[in-house]
N, C-alpha and C. Protein backbone atom coordinates (compact mmCIF):
# COMPACT_ATOMS: atom_id res chain seq x y z
N MET A 1 36.66 37.82 6.20
CA MET A 1 36.00 36.97 5.69
C MET A 1 36.70 35.50 5.61
N LYS A 2 35.52 34.25 6.83
CA LYS A 2 35.98 33.01 6.65
C LYS A 2 35.66 31.65 5.58
N LYS A 3 36.96 31.71 6.20
CA LYS A 3 36.31 30.25 4.97
C LYS A 3 35.80 29.01 4.99
N TYR A 4 35.01 27.97 4.33
CA TYR A 4 34.37 27.41 5.44
C TYR A 4 34.07 26.26 3.68
N GLU A 5 33.17 24.95 4.69
CA GLU A 5 33.15 24.00 3.70
C GLU A 5 31.49 23.43 3.92
N ALA A 6 30.83 22.95 2.65
CA ALA A 6 29.40 23.15 2.31
C ALA A 6 29.81 21.64 2.26
N PHE A 7 29.33 20.20 2.70
CA PHE A 7 28.91 19.42 2.40
C PHE A 7 27.38 18.96 2.41
N TYR A 8 26.83 17.92 1.37
CA TYR A 8 25.28 17.66 1.42
C TYR A 8 25.33 16.54 0.62
N ILE A 9 24.34 16.12 0.90
CA ILE A 9 23.57 14.77 -0.27
C ILE A 9 23.01 15.01 -0.14
N VAL A 10 22.19 14.81 -1.85
CA VAL A 10 21.06 15.01 -2.63
C VAL A 10 20.43 13.18 -3.46
N PRO A 11 19.25 13.40 -3.26
CA PRO A 11 19.47 12.14 -3.94
C PRO A 11 19.33 11.76 -4.37
N ALA A 12 19.67 10.06 -5.19
CA ALA A 12 20.20 9.38 -5.17
C ALA A 12 20.14 9.44 -6.44
N THR A 13 17.85 9.91 -6.72
CA THR A 13 17.31 9.42 -7.67
C THR A 13 17.62 11.02 -8.72
N MET A 14 18.20 11.39 -8.03
CA MET A 14 18.61 12.36 -9.32
C MET A 14 19.88 12.24 -10.35
N THR A 15 19.12 12.37 -11.33
CA THR A 15 19.97 12.70 -12.09
C THR A 15 21.44 14.09 -12.41
N ASP A 16 22.44 13.26 -13.03
CA ASP A 16 23.39 14.47 -13.18
C ASP A 16 23.50 15.89 -13.23
N ALA A 17 22.39 16.24 -14.10
CA ALA A 17 22.04 17.25 -14.14
C ALA A 17 21.07 18.11 -13.50
N GLU A 18 19.92 17.27 -13.24
CA GLU A 18 19.85 17.60 -11.29
C GLU A 18 20.47 18.26 -10.28
N VAL A 19 21.05 17.06 -9.82
CA VAL A 19 22.51 17.75 -9.47
C VAL A 19 23.73 18.85 -8.95
N THR A 20 23.68 18.66 -10.26
CA THR A 20 24.68 19.93 -11.36
C THR A 20 23.78 21.92 -10.98
N LYS A 21 22.15 21.21 -11.40
CA LYS A 21 21.83 22.99 -11.31
C LYS A 21 20.71 22.78 -9.95
N VAL A 22 21.11 22.07 -8.93
CA VAL A 22 21.24 21.89 -7.22
C VAL A 22 22.35 22.62 -6.23
N ALA A 23 23.36 22.53 -6.86
CA ALA A 23 25.05 23.23 -6.97
C ALA A 23 25.01 24.45 -7.53
N GLU A 24 24.48 24.21 -8.75
CA GLU A 24 25.12 26.18 -9.20
C GLU A 24 23.85 26.95 -8.37
N HIS A 25 22.40 26.56 -7.99
CA HIS A 25 21.62 26.85 -7.32
C HIS A 25 22.58 27.67 -5.24
N PHE A 26 23.24 26.75 -5.05
CA PHE A 26 23.50 27.06 -3.42
C PHE A 26 25.04 27.96 -4.18
N LYS A 27 25.59 27.34 -5.29
CA LYS A 27 26.60 28.47 -5.39
C LYS A 27 26.36 30.39 -5.94
N GLY A 28 25.20 29.94 -6.44
CA GLY A 28 24.33 31.06 -7.10
C GLY A 28 23.96 32.26 -5.55
N ILE A 29 23.70 31.28 -4.38
CA ILE A 29 23.19 31.90 -2.95
C ILE A 29 24.71 32.91 -2.30
N VAL A 30 25.26 31.46 -1.82
CA VAL A 30 27.01 32.51 -1.48
C VAL A 30 27.56 33.76 -2.68
N GLU A 31 27.60 33.97 -3.47
CA GLU A 31 28.05 34.55 -4.90
C GLU A 31 26.93 36.44 -4.51
N LYS A 32 25.73 35.48 -4.52
CA LYS A 32 25.02 36.53 -4.15
C LYS A 32 24.67 37.67 -3.36
N ASN A 33 25.36 36.49 -2.58
CA ASN A 33 25.26 37.22 -0.66
C ASN A 33 26.86 38.30 0.04
N GLY A 34 27.88 37.86 -1.35
CA GLY A 34 28.84 38.83 -1.12
C GLY A 34 30.72 37.64 -0.58
N GLY A 35 29.78 35.75 -1.26
CA GLY A 35 31.04 35.64 -1.61
C GLY A 35 31.36 35.03 -2.11
N THR A 36 32.93 33.58 -2.65
CA THR A 36 33.22 33.38 -3.78
C THR A 36 33.61 32.28 -3.24
N VAL A 37 32.98 30.80 -4.04
CA VAL A 37 33.57 29.88 -4.36
C VAL A 37 34.72 29.63 -4.98
N GLU A 38 34.98 28.96 -3.97
CA GLU A 38 36.32 28.09 -4.56
C GLU A 38 36.58 27.48 -5.30
N SER A 39 36.14 26.02 -5.15
CA SER A 39 35.50 24.79 -5.55
C SER A 39 34.04 24.32 -5.67
N ALA A 40 33.51 23.91 -6.22
CA ALA A 40 31.88 22.68 -5.96
C ALA A 40 32.06 21.27 -6.53
N ALA A 41 31.87 20.35 -6.16
CA ALA A 41 32.03 19.06 -6.95
C ALA A 41 31.47 18.13 -6.71
N LYS A 42 31.06 17.79 -7.54
CA LYS A 42 30.25 16.28 -7.23
C LYS A 42 31.14 15.22 -7.43
N TRP A 43 30.83 14.36 -5.93
CA TRP A 43 31.41 13.48 -5.81
C TRP A 43 30.94 12.53 -6.81
N ASP A 44 30.24 11.30 -6.37
CA ASP A 44 29.65 10.18 -6.37
C ASP A 44 28.68 9.54 -5.98
N LYS A 45 27.95 8.59 -5.98
CA LYS A 45 26.60 8.13 -5.41
C LYS A 45 27.22 7.23 -4.61
N ARG A 46 26.93 6.93 -3.30
CA ARG A 46 26.90 6.22 -2.30
C ARG A 46 25.96 5.30 -1.65
N LYS A 47 25.81 4.62 -0.72
CA LYS A 47 25.91 4.45 -0.32
C LYS A 47 25.80 4.65 1.21
N LEU A 48 24.49 4.99 1.53
CA LEU A 48 24.96 5.97 3.21
C LEU A 48 24.86 4.98 4.06
N ALA A 49 25.16 5.35 5.58
CA ALA A 49 25.12 5.10 6.68
C ALA A 49 24.52 4.16 7.15
N TYR A 50 23.33 5.20 7.27
CA TYR A 50 22.19 4.55 7.50
C TYR A 50 20.90 5.30 7.15
N GLU A 51 19.61 4.75 6.76
CA GLU A 51 18.97 4.88 6.22
C GLU A 51 18.31 6.83 6.69
N VAL A 52 18.39 7.69 6.26
CA VAL A 52 17.56 8.71 5.98
C VAL A 52 17.16 9.79 5.34
N LYS A 53 15.84 9.86 5.67
CA LYS A 53 14.51 11.22 4.97
C LYS A 53 14.18 9.82 4.30
N GLY A 54 14.57 8.25 5.07
CA GLY A 54 14.02 7.12 4.05
C GLY A 54 15.03 7.24 2.54
N HIS A 55 16.26 7.82 2.46
CA HIS A 55 17.35 7.54 1.49
C HIS A 55 17.73 6.40 1.69
N LYS A 56 18.68 5.95 0.77
CA LYS A 56 19.42 4.16 1.72
C LYS A 56 20.94 5.47 0.60
N GLU A 57 20.63 5.52 -0.34
CA GLU A 57 21.93 5.62 -1.31
C GLU A 57 21.68 7.83 -1.71
N GLY A 58 22.77 8.57 -1.75
CA GLY A 58 22.68 9.24 -2.32
C GLY A 58 23.41 10.29 -2.57
N ASN A 59 24.17 10.92 -3.64
CA ASN A 59 25.19 11.78 -4.79
C ASN A 59 25.42 12.90 -3.45
N TYR A 60 27.39 12.66 -3.18
CA TYR A 60 26.52 13.50 -2.60
C TYR A 60 28.26 14.83 -3.32
N VAL A 61 27.92 16.22 -2.01
CA VAL A 61 28.37 17.74 -3.22
C VAL A 61 29.19 18.18 -2.09
N LEU A 62 30.64 19.17 -2.85
CA LEU A 62 31.42 19.84 -1.54
C LEU A 62 31.44 21.37 -2.30
N MET A 63 31.62 21.79 -1.27
CA MET A 63 31.67 23.78 -2.10
C MET A 63 32.79 23.37 -0.28
N ASN A 64 34.16 24.53 -1.33
CA ASN A 64 34.75 25.21 -0.43
C ASN A 64 34.26 26.54 -0.61
N PHE A 65 34.28 27.50 -0.14
CA PHE A 65 33.57 28.28 -0.24
C PHE A 65 34.50 29.88 1.47
N GLU A 66 34.54 31.63 0.24
CA GLU A 66 35.01 31.98 1.43
C GLU A 66 33.63 33.43 1.24
N ALA A 67 33.00 33.34 2.39
CA ALA A 67 31.78 33.85 3.15
C ALA A 67 31.59 35.29 4.37
N PRO A 68 31.86 36.60 4.46
CA PRO A 68 30.82 37.42 5.38
C PRO A 68 30.72 35.73 6.63
N PRO A 69 30.26 36.29 7.98
CA PRO A 69 29.62 35.30 8.66
C PRO A 69 28.23 34.57 8.46
N GLN A 70 27.40 35.58 7.70
CA GLN A 70 25.96 35.58 7.59
C GLN A 70 25.81 34.91 6.62
N VAL A 71 26.45 34.79 5.31
CA VAL A 71 26.48 33.70 4.15
C VAL A 71 26.02 32.59 5.40
N PRO A 72 27.20 31.50 5.37
CA PRO A 72 26.37 30.10 6.21
C PRO A 72 25.09 29.59 6.59
N ALA A 73 24.94 31.00 7.50
CA ALA A 73 23.66 30.64 8.41
C ALA A 73 22.66 30.68 7.48
N GLU A 74 22.17 31.53 6.33
CA GLU A 74 21.26 31.70 5.46
C GLU A 74 21.31 30.58 4.02
N LEU A 75 22.76 29.94 3.57
CA LEU A 75 22.99 28.69 2.93
C LEU A 75 21.94 28.40 4.24
N ASN A 76 22.59 27.31 5.18
CA ASN A 76 22.18 26.35 6.23
C ASN A 76 20.62 26.18 6.32
N ARG A 77 20.55 28.02 6.49
CA ARG A 77 18.52 28.27 6.26
C ARG A 77 18.06 27.29 5.15
N LEU A 78 18.82 27.66 3.93
CA LEU A 78 17.94 27.15 2.69
C LEU A 78 18.28 26.20 2.85
N MET A 79 19.13 25.01 3.21
CA MET A 79 19.45 23.63 3.24
C MET A 79 18.15 23.39 3.62
N ARG A 80 17.98 23.88 4.76
CA ARG A 80 17.60 22.84 5.73
C ARG A 80 16.26 22.86 4.37
N ILE A 81 15.18 23.74 4.28
CA ILE A 81 14.30 23.89 4.01
C ILE A 81 14.28 23.27 2.37
N SER A 82 14.94 23.12 2.20
CA SER A 82 14.64 22.01 1.62
C SER A 82 14.81 21.15 0.37
N ASP A 83 14.05 20.71 -0.09
CA ASP A 83 13.16 19.18 -0.07
C ASP A 83 14.51 18.19 -1.18
N ASP A 84 15.01 19.56 -1.65
CA ASP A 84 16.48 18.29 -3.03
C ASP A 84 17.83 17.93 -2.23
N ILE A 85 17.90 18.67 -0.26
CA ILE A 85 19.02 18.71 0.64
C ILE A 85 18.58 17.42 1.38
N VAL A 86 19.04 16.12 1.10
CA VAL A 86 18.66 15.24 1.94
C VAL A 86 19.53 15.22 3.17
N ARG A 87 20.51 15.64 3.11
CA ARG A 87 21.17 15.97 5.01
C ARG A 87 23.06 17.42 4.48
N HIS A 88 22.93 18.17 4.88
CA HIS A 88 23.89 19.03 5.17
C HIS A 88 24.47 19.24 6.41
N GLN A 89 25.40 20.01 6.61
CA GLN A 89 26.88 20.21 6.83
C GLN A 89 27.97 21.05 6.36
N ILE A 90 28.24 22.44 7.51
CA ILE A 90 28.52 23.90 6.73
C ILE A 90 30.03 23.83 7.68
N ILE A 91 30.90 23.87 7.61
CA ILE A 91 32.14 24.02 8.59
C ILE A 91 32.70 24.96 8.51
N ILE A 92 34.05 25.24 9.89
CA ILE A 92 34.48 26.78 9.01
C ILE A 92 35.74 25.60 8.73
N ARG A 93 36.58 26.74 7.47
CA ARG A 93 37.83 25.47 7.25
C ARG A 93 38.83 26.01 8.12
N GLU A 94 39.76 25.52 8.80
CA GLU A 94 41.08 25.84 9.52
C GLU A 94 42.30 26.20 9.30
N GLU A 95 42.20 26.72 8.51
CA GLU A 95 43.43 26.48 8.56
C GLU A 95 45.63 26.23 8.73
N VAL A 96 45.92 25.62 7.94
CA VAL A 96 46.80 24.31 8.96
C VAL A 96 48.29 25.39 8.46
N THR A 97 48.89 25.44 9.19
CA THR A 97 50.25 26.39 10.16
C THR A 97 51.27 25.33 10.03
N ALA A 98 52.60 24.60 9.42
CA ALA A 98 53.20 23.96 9.47
C ALA A 98 54.34 24.53 10.26
């Protein structure tokens, strides 16, 4: 299993409870498909560099997880079709060796 980082933006109009619910939903998808979530944290509301889908601000969420290769693909598919996600990115985390 590889380690991944999912970074996504939800609309600024969502309350903290709604953001937490969205974060728990995607955390559950990872766990249901055989992955483990190391951390899932809501950052803060920030102004976007440019307007995305009519949004000028958004709540940022970062989730670090370890999962089989099919999990990020499924997570990407679900985030792409979700109305709650403004923008997202899933990357493989590189292990740094000294």
